[in-house]
Amino acid sequence: MHLSLQQVQAAHPAARRGAAPALHGITLSLRAGEQVALIGPSGAGKTTLLQVAAAALRPASGRVEIDGTEPWSLPGRALQRLRGRLLLAPQVPPLPPRQRVITSVLAARLPAMGLWTSLRSLFYPVDIPGAHAALERFDLAEKLFERVDRLSGGERQRVGLARALLAPASLWLVDEPLSALDPRRAEQAMAVLLDEARSRGATLLASLHQVDVALQRFPRVIGLRDGAVFFDLPSAQVTAERLRQLYAQHEDELHAPAAPTDTPALGPRPAVMHCR
């Protein structure tokens, strides 16, 4: 899917009324089938940008087009159908704690299911082999019938990523997919996402704090700072000086490794709301 943002201004999803916008005049375009990394310091507006691109957050001004269609001009049912072709994967997957992993993974197929099929799948999963295969790509096949609240933080994040492999989506918007993974798991997860996106011809926009991963694995990198595009370049042209300027006063984030949290969770993690 082709994605275009033109002079978009938007507030953070959790911002109070009257708060300063998180995005200021964002203009960018992604070709269908392109894989792009989004980097920048904390508070740069990366999550807000992904929410806007997923038609989950309406911008205060500017224009968003997905395959030439302005989402917010559509009637309700048409907007829901469009959202069914998008995948928004938040940093903290909204997985119900008492739900089984197989149910959480198969929820990715809900946009393509009828009402009765989706209800039946809650009790009798419709595609056990498909869910097993998706989890196997992330070394989680043995967790198929485990309860979500018995997973570690890193395992939950990988379950959230496994949903992408089953979703009927051609635009993937992934927010910090490696934040809870150790380096080995992070490398594995990124390889799976990129390989699957390429094989499907899906457009992928992923926000990352791992600058080295962005430069090594993505052909194009967008640097976001203070709610504006600081640079939009082929990864080979992103110099150390440009990165230093992007992360000025945030040097600790530029060099910080991923924080592994692949240990048993102490309790349910807060769910991030995700519009569909």
Protein backbone atom coordinates (compact mmCIF):
# COMPACT_ATOMS: atom_id res chain seq x y z
CA MET A 1 0.00 0.00 0.00
CA HIS A 2 1.11 3.54 -0.72
CA LEU A 3 1.16 5.96 2.22
CA SER A 4 1.28 9.73 1.96
CA LEU A 5 1.24 12.39 4.69
CA GLN A 6 1.08 16.04 3.70
CA GLN A 7 1.66 18.83 6.21
CA VAL A 8 0.22 16.73 9.03
CA GLN A 9 -0.13 18.19 12.51
CA ALA A 10 -1.38 15.98 15.34
CA ALA A 11 -1.37 15.67 19.12
CA HIS A 12 -0.13 12.62 21.00
CA PRO A 13 -3.00 10.11 21.56
CA ALA A 14 -2.76 10.59 25.34
CA ALA A 15 -2.24 14.34 25.28
CA ARG A 16 -4.55 16.63 27.23
CA ARG A 17 -6.75 19.07 25.38
CA GLY A 18 -4.80 22.17 24.49
CA ALA A 19 -1.42 20.41 24.66
CA ALA A 20 1.19 21.27 22.07
CA PRO A 21 1.03 19.05 18.97
CA ALA A 22 3.42 16.10 18.76
CA LEU A 23 3.73 16.40 14.97
CA HIS A 24 4.42 19.64 13.12
CA GLY A 25 3.91 19.79 9.36
CA ILE A 26 4.96 16.20 8.63
CA THR A 27 5.25 15.45 4.92
CA LEU A 28 6.47 12.07 3.70
CA SER A 29 5.56 9.31 1.27
CA LEU A 30 6.13 5.54 1.28
CA ARG A 31 5.89 3.50 -1.90
CA ALA A 32 3.97 0.24 -1.91
CA GLY A 33 6.25 -2.57 -0.72
CA GLU A 34 8.87 -0.25 0.79
CA GLN A 35 10.57 -0.96 4.14
CA VAL A 36 11.41 2.17 6.14
CA ALA A 37 12.86 2.68 9.62
CA LEU A 38 11.76 5.60 11.78
CA ILE A 39 14.29 6.76 14.36
CA GLY A 40 14.69 9.68 16.74
CA PRO A 41 14.91 10.52 20.43
CA SER A 42 12.13 9.84 22.91
CA GLY A 43 9.31 12.33 22.50
CA ALA A 44 10.11 12.96 18.85
CA GLY A 45 6.60 11.94 17.75
CA LYS A 46 7.26 8.45 16.38
CA THR A 47 4.28 6.75 18.06
CA THR A 48 1.96 9.59 17.09
CA LEU A 49 3.12 9.34 13.49
CA LEU A 50 2.37 5.61 13.38
CA GLN A 51 -1.08 6.18 14.90
CA VAL A 52 -1.87 8.80 12.26
CA ALA A 53 -0.57 6.57 9.46
CA ALA A 54 -2.77 3.72 10.71
CA ALA A 55 -5.92 5.88 10.58
CA ALA A 56 -6.22 5.33 14.33
CA LEU A 57 -5.63 8.99 15.19
CA ARG A 58 -7.18 11.83 13.25
CA PRO A 59 -4.74 14.66 12.54
CA ALA A 60 -5.59 18.19 13.59
CA SER A 61 -4.64 19.41 10.13
CA GLY A 62 -3.01 18.20 6.93
CA ARG A 63 -3.89 15.24 4.77
CA VAL A 64 -3.33 11.49 5.03
CA GLU A 65 -3.77 9.23 2.00
CA ILE A 66 -3.61 5.44 1.95
CA ASP A 67 -3.59 4.05 -1.57
CA GLY A 68 -4.93 7.41 -2.73
CA THR A 69 -7.83 7.41 -0.26
CA GLU A 70 -8.23 9.94 2.54
CA PRO A 71 -9.39 7.74 5.46
CA TRP A 72 -11.29 10.41 7.35
CA SER A 73 -13.44 11.20 4.31
CA LEU A 74 -14.86 7.66 4.36
CA PRO A 75 -18.13 6.60 6.01
CA GLY A 76 -17.80 4.42 9.11
CA ARG A 77 -18.04 0.98 7.47
CA ALA A 78 -15.61 1.90 4.71
CA LEU A 79 -13.14 3.24 7.26
CA GLN A 80 -13.35 -0.04 9.19
CA ARG A 81 -12.69 -2.01 6.00
CA LEU A 82 -9.64 0.15 5.29
CA ARG A 83 -8.33 -0.37 8.82
CA GLY A 84 -8.72 -4.09 8.27
CA ARG A 85 -6.01 -3.81 5.60
CA LEU A 86 -3.61 -2.13 8.05
CA LEU A 87 -1.60 -3.59 10.89
CA LEU A 88 -0.71 -1.37 13.84
CA ALA A 89 1.57 -3.22 16.27
CA PRO A 90 2.07 -1.16 19.46
CA GLN A 91 5.17 -1.45 21.61
CA VAL A 92 3.12 -3.15 24.34
CA PRO A 93 0.82 -5.66 22.57
CA PRO A 94 -2.79 -5.38 23.77
CA LEU A 95 -3.04 -9.05 24.76
CA PRO A 96 -5.74 -9.94 27.33
CA PRO A 97 -3.88 -11.54 30.28
CA ARG A 98 -6.17 -14.56 30.70
CA GLN A 99 -6.42 -15.29 27.00
CA ARG A 100 -4.60 -18.22 25.43
CA VAL A 101 -1.75 -17.40 23.08
CA ILE A 102 -3.45 -19.11 20.14
CA THR A 103 -6.51 -16.89 20.56
CA SER A 104 -4.38 -13.76 20.76
CA VAL A 105 -2.46 -14.67 17.60
CA LEU A 106 -5.54 -15.62 15.59
CA ALA A 107 -7.16 -12.30 16.54
CA ALA A 108 -5.05 -10.85 13.74
CA ARG A 109 -7.44 -12.50 11.28
CA LEU A 110 -10.58 -10.93 12.73
CA PRO A 111 -10.82 -8.25 9.98
CA ALA A 112 -11.21 -11.04 7.40
CA MET A 113 -13.64 -13.14 9.47
CA GLY A 114 -17.40 -12.95 9.62
CA LEU A 115 -19.11 -12.40 12.97
CA TRP A 116 -19.99 -16.04 13.63
CA THR A 117 -16.58 -17.33 12.57
CA SER A 118 -14.83 -14.87 14.87
CA LEU A 119 -17.07 -15.83 17.81
CA ARG A 120 -16.56 -19.54 17.18
CA SER A 121 -12.81 -19.05 17.01
CA LEU A 122 -12.82 -17.86 20.63
CA PHE A 123 -13.76 -21.38 21.69
CA TYR A 124 -12.61 -23.51 18.75
CA PRO A 125 -9.59 -21.86 17.06
CA VAL A 126 -10.10 -21.82 13.30
CA ASP A 127 -6.48 -22.30 12.21
CA ILE A 128 -4.29 -24.04 14.75
CA PRO A 129 -1.60 -24.95 12.16
CA GLY A 130 -1.40 -21.33 10.99
CA ALA A 131 -0.99 -20.00 14.51
CA HIS A 132 1.59 -22.68 15.28
CA ALA A 133 3.60 -21.79 12.16
CA ALA A 134 3.55 -18.07 12.96
CA LEU A 135 4.72 -18.65 16.53
CA GLU A 136 7.38 -21.09 15.34
CA ARG A 137 9.02 -18.29 13.35
CA PHE A 138 9.66 -16.59 16.71
CA ASP A 139 10.59 -19.79 18.61
CA LEU A 140 7.30 -19.73 20.52
CA ALA A 141 5.50 -22.77 19.12
CA GLU A 142 5.51 -24.49 22.51
CA LYS A 143 3.53 -21.56 23.97
CA LEU A 144 0.57 -22.13 21.64
CA PHE A 145 -1.94 -23.01 24.37
CA GLU A 146 -0.25 -21.09 27.20
CA ARG A 147 -2.04 -18.23 28.92
CA VAL A 148 -0.74 -14.78 28.08
CA ASP A 149 -0.18 -13.81 31.71
CA ARG A 150 2.29 -16.68 32.06
CA LEU A 151 4.60 -15.27 29.40
CA SER A 152 7.63 -13.08 29.94
CA GLY A 153 7.66 -9.53 28.61
CA GLY A 154 9.81 -10.53 25.66
CA GLU A 155 7.56 -13.48 24.85
CA ARG A 156 4.52 -11.22 24.84
CA GLN A 157 6.22 -8.88 22.44
CA ARG A 158 7.06 -11.77 20.11
CA VAL A 159 3.46 -13.01 20.27
CA GLY A 160 2.39 -9.53 19.21
CA LEU A 161 4.79 -9.67 16.26
CA ALA A 162 3.58 -13.15 15.29
CA ARG A 163 0.16 -11.63 14.69
CA ALA A 164 1.62 -9.73 11.75
CA LEU A 165 2.21 -13.00 9.92
CA LEU A 166 -1.50 -13.84 10.04
CA ALA A 167 -3.00 -10.39 9.51
CA PRO A 168 -4.69 -9.68 6.14
CA ALA A 169 -2.77 -6.40 5.95
CA SER A 170 -0.54 -4.83 3.34
CA LEU A 171 0.61 -1.84 5.41
CA TRP A 172 2.49 -2.69 8.61
CA LEU A 173 3.09 0.03 11.19
CA VAL A 174 5.24 -1.38 13.97
CA ASP A 175 6.19 0.59 17.09
CA GLU A 176 9.44 -0.36 18.86
CA PRO A 177 9.23 -4.10 18.04
CA LEU A 178 12.57 -4.89 19.72
CA SER A 179 12.25 -2.97 22.99
CA ALA A 180 11.73 -6.06 25.20
CA LEU A 181 14.08 -8.42 23.34
CA ASP A 182 17.68 -9.42 23.93
CA PRO A 183 20.06 -8.95 20.97
CA ARG A 184 19.66 -12.49 19.61
CA ARG A 185 15.87 -12.39 19.75
CA ALA A 186 15.88 -8.86 18.31
CA GLU A 187 17.92 -9.99 15.30
CA GLN A 188 15.62 -12.95 14.76
CA ALA A 189 12.43 -10.87 15.04
CA MET A 190 13.68 -8.19 12.67
CA ALA A 191 14.74 -10.76 10.10
CA VAL A 192 11.32 -12.44 10.21
CA LEU A 193 9.41 -9.16 9.85
CA LEU A 194 11.53 -7.92 6.96
CA ASP A 195 11.54 -11.24 5.12
CA GLU A 196 7.79 -11.64 5.48
CA ALA A 197 7.09 -8.04 4.40
CA ARG A 198 9.24 -8.48 1.31
CA SER A 199 7.69 -11.82 0.36
CA ARG A 200 4.18 -10.33 0.62
CA GLY A 201 5.03 -7.00 -0.93
CA ALA A 202 3.79 -5.31 2.24
CA THR A 203 4.77 -1.76 3.11
CA LEU A 204 6.60 -1.64 6.46
CA LEU A 205 7.23 1.40 8.63
CA ALA A 206 8.95 0.50 11.92
CA SER A 207 10.02 2.86 14.69
CA LEU A 208 13.27 1.80 16.34
CA HIS A 209 15.58 2.94 19.11
CA GLN A 210 18.25 0.54 17.81
CA VAL A 211 19.97 2.86 15.34
CA ASP A 212 22.43 0.17 14.24
CA VAL A 213 19.56 -2.14 13.27
CA ALA A 214 17.86 0.64 11.32
CA LEU A 215 21.02 1.40 9.35
CA GLN A 216 21.96 -2.23 8.70
CA ARG A 217 18.57 -3.71 7.86
CA PHE A 218 16.51 -0.93 6.24
CA PRO A 219 17.26 0.69 2.88
CA ARG A 220 15.65 3.98 3.95
CA VAL A 221 15.71 5.78 7.29
CA ILE A 222 13.59 8.71 8.46
CA GLY A 223 14.92 10.74 11.38
CA LEU A 224 12.25 12.47 13.47
CA ARG A 225 13.02 15.21 15.98
CA ASP A 226 10.66 17.53 17.86
CA GLY A 227 7.71 16.39 15.77
CA ALA A 228 9.31 17.17 12.41
CA VAL A 229 11.25 15.24 9.77
CA PHE A 230 14.93 15.95 10.47
CA PHE A 231 16.16 13.82 7.55
CA ASP A 232 14.76 11.26 5.10
CA LEU A 233 17.63 9.42 3.44
CA PRO A 234 18.93 6.12 2.11
CA SER A 235 20.57 4.39 5.08
CA ALA A 236 24.00 4.60 3.41
CA GLN A 237 23.77 8.41 3.55
CA VAL A 238 22.96 8.64 7.26
CA THR A 239 26.28 9.84 8.63
CA ALA A 240 27.54 9.88 12.21
CA GLU A 241 27.27 13.67 12.17
CA ARG A 242 23.61 13.57 11.13
CA LEU A 243 22.91 11.10 13.92
CA ARG A 244 24.75 13.27 16.43
CA GLN A 245 22.59 16.24 15.44
CA LEU A 246 19.40 14.14 15.53
CA TYR A 247 20.15 12.90 19.04
CA ALA A 248 21.66 16.13 20.37
CA GLN A 249 21.04 16.19 24.14
CA HIS A 250 19.89 12.55 23.86
CA GLU A 251 23.28 10.87 23.29
CA ASP A 252 22.41 8.12 25.80
CA GLU A 253 19.61 6.92 23.49
CA LEU A 254 21.87 6.91 20.45
CA HIS A 255 24.21 4.35 22.01
CA ALA A 256 21.83 2.49 24.35
CA PRO A 257 21.36 -1.24 23.61
CA ALA A 258 17.99 -2.96 23.66
CA ALA A 259 16.83 -3.67 27.21
CA PRO A 260 16.16 -7.39 27.56
CA THR A 261 13.06 -8.18 29.60
CA ASP A 262 12.64 -11.79 28.54
CA THR A 263 11.89 -12.88 32.11
CA PRO A 264 8.55 -13.92 33.62
CA ALA A 265 6.19 -11.01 34.02
CA LEU A 266 5.22 -10.08 37.57
CA GLY A 267 1.68 -9.24 36.57
CA PRO A 268 -0.46 -8.07 33.65
CA ARG A 269 1.18 -5.33 31.62
CA PRO A 270 -0.92 -2.30 30.74
CA ALA A 271 -2.78 -2.68 27.47
CA VAL A 272 -2.29 -0.08 24.79
CA MET A 273 -5.56 0.79 23.09
CA HIS A 274 -5.58 0.07 19.39
CA CYS A 275 -8.37 1.16 17.10
CA ARG A 276 -9.74 -1.24 14.54
